[in-house]
Amino acid sequence: MLDNASKAIPEKYDFESRLNRSGRAIGAGDMVNAMLNYGYALLEAECPRAINSVGPDPHVGFLHEMSPSKNSLAYDLQEPFRFLVDFAVLNLIETNGIDKKDFIRTENYSLRLRPSGAKKLTEEINWWFNKPL
């Protein structure tokens, strides 16, 4: 969704794309990708819990390649909910709810959320997941 939105995101976020030239997701070199990476990691962490509460094997997926080292079903389960993370990130951008001070550049030049930014994003994602219909 966000790859088509690069023109709508203000320049101060330095966002160009979610994908590199090979069509794969890239690391966080900008604020938008840092927020998406963190949000998708939160989503990924919740899926095995949901699967384990009902009992199926989390390694047996339908959409993602199966491997003993991957929770393929967990990856499958998060796909229908990624848009909520996207909405949370876009809403933080549109409302100026997050800012450069909420990020830190690592030694390998990746961008990561500071605790203040992680808290803002987590609260926003929680709001979208619990939003009344």
Protein backbone atom coordinates (compact mmCIF):
# COMPACT_ATOMS: atom_id res chain seq x y z
CA MET A 1 0.00 0.00 0.00
CA LEU A 2 2.65 2.52 0.98
CA ASP A 3 4.75 2.05 -2.17
CA ASN A 4 2.04 3.90 -4.09
CA ALA A 5 1.89 6.60 -1.41
CA SER A 6 5.47 7.88 -1.64
CA LYS A 7 4.33 11.16 -3.23
CA ALA A 8 1.76 11.72 -0.48
CA ILE A 9 4.26 11.39 2.36
CA PRO A 10 6.00 14.66 3.26
CA GLU A 11 9.66 14.95 2.25
CA LYS A 12 10.81 15.28 5.87
CA TYR A 13 10.24 11.51 6.25
CA ASP A 14 12.71 10.73 3.40
CA PHE A 15 10.45 7.91 2.17
CA GLU A 16 10.95 6.67 -1.38
CA SER A 17 9.78 3.06 -1.37
CA ARG A 18 9.24 -0.03 0.71
CA LEU A 19 10.99 -2.16 -1.93
CA ASN A 20 14.47 -2.23 -3.40
CA ARG A 21 15.24 -2.83 -7.09
CA SER A 22 14.82 -6.59 -6.70
CA GLY A 23 11.28 -6.05 -5.38
CA ARG A 24 12.06 -7.10 -1.80
CA ALA A 25 11.45 -5.12 1.38
CA ILE A 26 14.41 -3.05 2.46
CA GLY A 27 15.88 -2.18 5.82
CA ALA A 28 14.97 0.99 7.59
CA GLY A 29 16.84 3.87 6.04
CA ASP A 30 13.98 6.29 6.62
CA MET A 31 11.38 7.00 9.28
CA VAL A 32 8.48 5.37 7.43
CA ASN A 33 10.30 2.06 6.91
CA ALA A 34 11.49 2.09 10.53
CA MET A 35 7.89 2.44 11.70
CA LEU A 36 6.65 -0.23 9.30
CA ASN A 37 9.39 -2.66 10.35
CA TYR A 38 8.56 -2.14 14.02
CA GLY A 39 4.81 -2.39 13.45
CA TYR A 40 5.11 -5.57 11.40
CA ALA A 41 7.39 -7.05 14.09
CA LEU A 42 4.67 -6.36 16.70
CA LEU A 43 2.14 -8.05 14.45
CA GLU A 44 4.48 -10.99 13.85
CA ALA A 45 4.92 -11.46 17.60
CA GLU A 46 1.18 -11.68 18.21
CA CYS A 47 0.42 -14.29 15.55
CA PRO A 48 2.20 -17.29 17.16
CA ARG A 49 0.35 -16.56 20.40
CA ALA A 50 -2.98 -16.67 18.62
CA ILE A 51 -2.03 -19.88 16.79
CA ASN A 52 -0.76 -21.58 19.94
CA SER A 53 -3.98 -20.72 21.77
CA VAL A 54 -5.97 -22.84 19.29
CA GLY A 55 -3.42 -25.55 18.59
CA PRO A 56 -2.35 -25.79 14.90
CA ASP A 57 1.29 -26.25 13.99
CA PRO A 58 2.70 -22.73 13.40
CA HIS A 59 5.26 -24.13 10.92
CA VAL A 60 2.59 -25.36 8.47
CA GLY A 61 1.55 -22.44 6.31
CA PHE A 62 -0.40 -21.96 3.11
CA LEU A 63 0.97 -18.76 1.61
CA HIS A 64 4.56 -18.78 2.88
CA GLU A 65 7.23 -21.39 2.29
CA MET A 66 7.35 -24.01 5.02
CA SER A 67 10.58 -24.48 6.93
CA PRO A 68 11.34 -25.88 10.38
CA SER A 69 12.96 -22.56 11.30
CA LYS A 70 9.99 -20.42 10.17
CA ASN A 71 6.52 -20.00 11.62
CA SER A 72 4.89 -20.02 8.17
CA LEU A 73 1.33 -20.07 9.50
CA ALA A 74 2.14 -17.03 11.65
CA TYR A 75 3.34 -15.19 8.55
CA ASP A 76 0.15 -16.23 6.73
CA LEU A 77 -2.02 -15.02 9.61
CA GLN A 78 -0.48 -11.57 9.73
CA GLU A 79 -1.12 -10.77 6.04
CA PRO A 80 -4.80 -9.76 6.43
CA PHE A 81 -3.86 -7.36 9.25
CA ARG A 82 -0.87 -5.53 7.75
CA PHE A 83 -3.13 -2.75 6.52
CA LEU A 84 -3.85 -1.77 10.14
CA VAL A 85 -0.13 -1.19 10.71
CA ASP A 86 -0.03 0.82 7.47
CA PHE A 87 -2.99 2.94 8.64
CA ALA A 88 -1.32 3.53 12.02
CA VAL A 89 1.90 4.72 10.34
CA LEU A 90 0.02 6.94 7.90
CA ASN A 91 -2.07 8.43 10.68
CA LEU A 92 1.04 9.30 12.72
CA ILE A 93 2.46 10.99 9.63
CA GLU A 94 -0.74 12.88 8.79
CA THR A 95 -1.21 14.13 12.36
CA ASN A 96 2.49 14.90 12.90
CA GLY A 97 2.29 12.47 15.80
CA ILE A 98 5.88 11.34 15.37
CA ASP A 99 9.02 13.30 14.71
CA LYS A 100 12.75 12.94 14.03
CA LYS A 101 13.56 13.00 17.75
CA ASP A 102 11.66 9.68 18.07
CA PHE A 103 14.32 7.91 15.95
CA ILE A 104 17.97 7.01 16.30
CA ARG A 105 20.53 6.11 13.63
CA THR A 106 22.51 2.94 14.42
CA GLU A 107 26.17 2.22 13.75
CA ASN A 108 25.27 0.49 10.47
CA TYR A 109 23.20 3.54 9.41
CA SER A 110 19.82 1.90 9.90
CA LEU A 111 17.11 3.95 11.52
CA ARG A 112 15.39 2.63 14.65
CA LEU A 113 12.65 3.92 16.90
CA ARG A 114 13.63 5.34 20.26
CA PRO A 115 11.45 4.23 23.19
CA SER A 116 9.37 7.39 22.77
CA GLY A 117 8.68 6.58 19.13
CA ALA A 118 8.01 2.91 19.86
CA LYS A 119 5.45 3.93 22.47
CA LYS A 120 3.70 6.31 20.07
CA LEU A 121 3.57 3.70 17.31
CA THR A 122 2.45 0.91 19.65
CA GLU A 123 -0.37 3.06 21.01
CA GLU A 124 -1.45 4.01 17.49
CA ILE A 125 -1.42 0.38 16.32
CA ASN A 126 -3.42 -0.67 19.38
CA TRP A 127 -5.96 2.03 18.59
CA TRP A 128 -6.38 0.77 15.00
CA PHE A 129 -6.72 -2.84 16.13
CA ASN A 130 -9.33 -1.93 18.75
CA LYS A 131 -11.12 0.80 16.78
CA PRO A 132 -14.91 0.51 17.03
CA LEU A 133 -16.58 -0.42 13.76
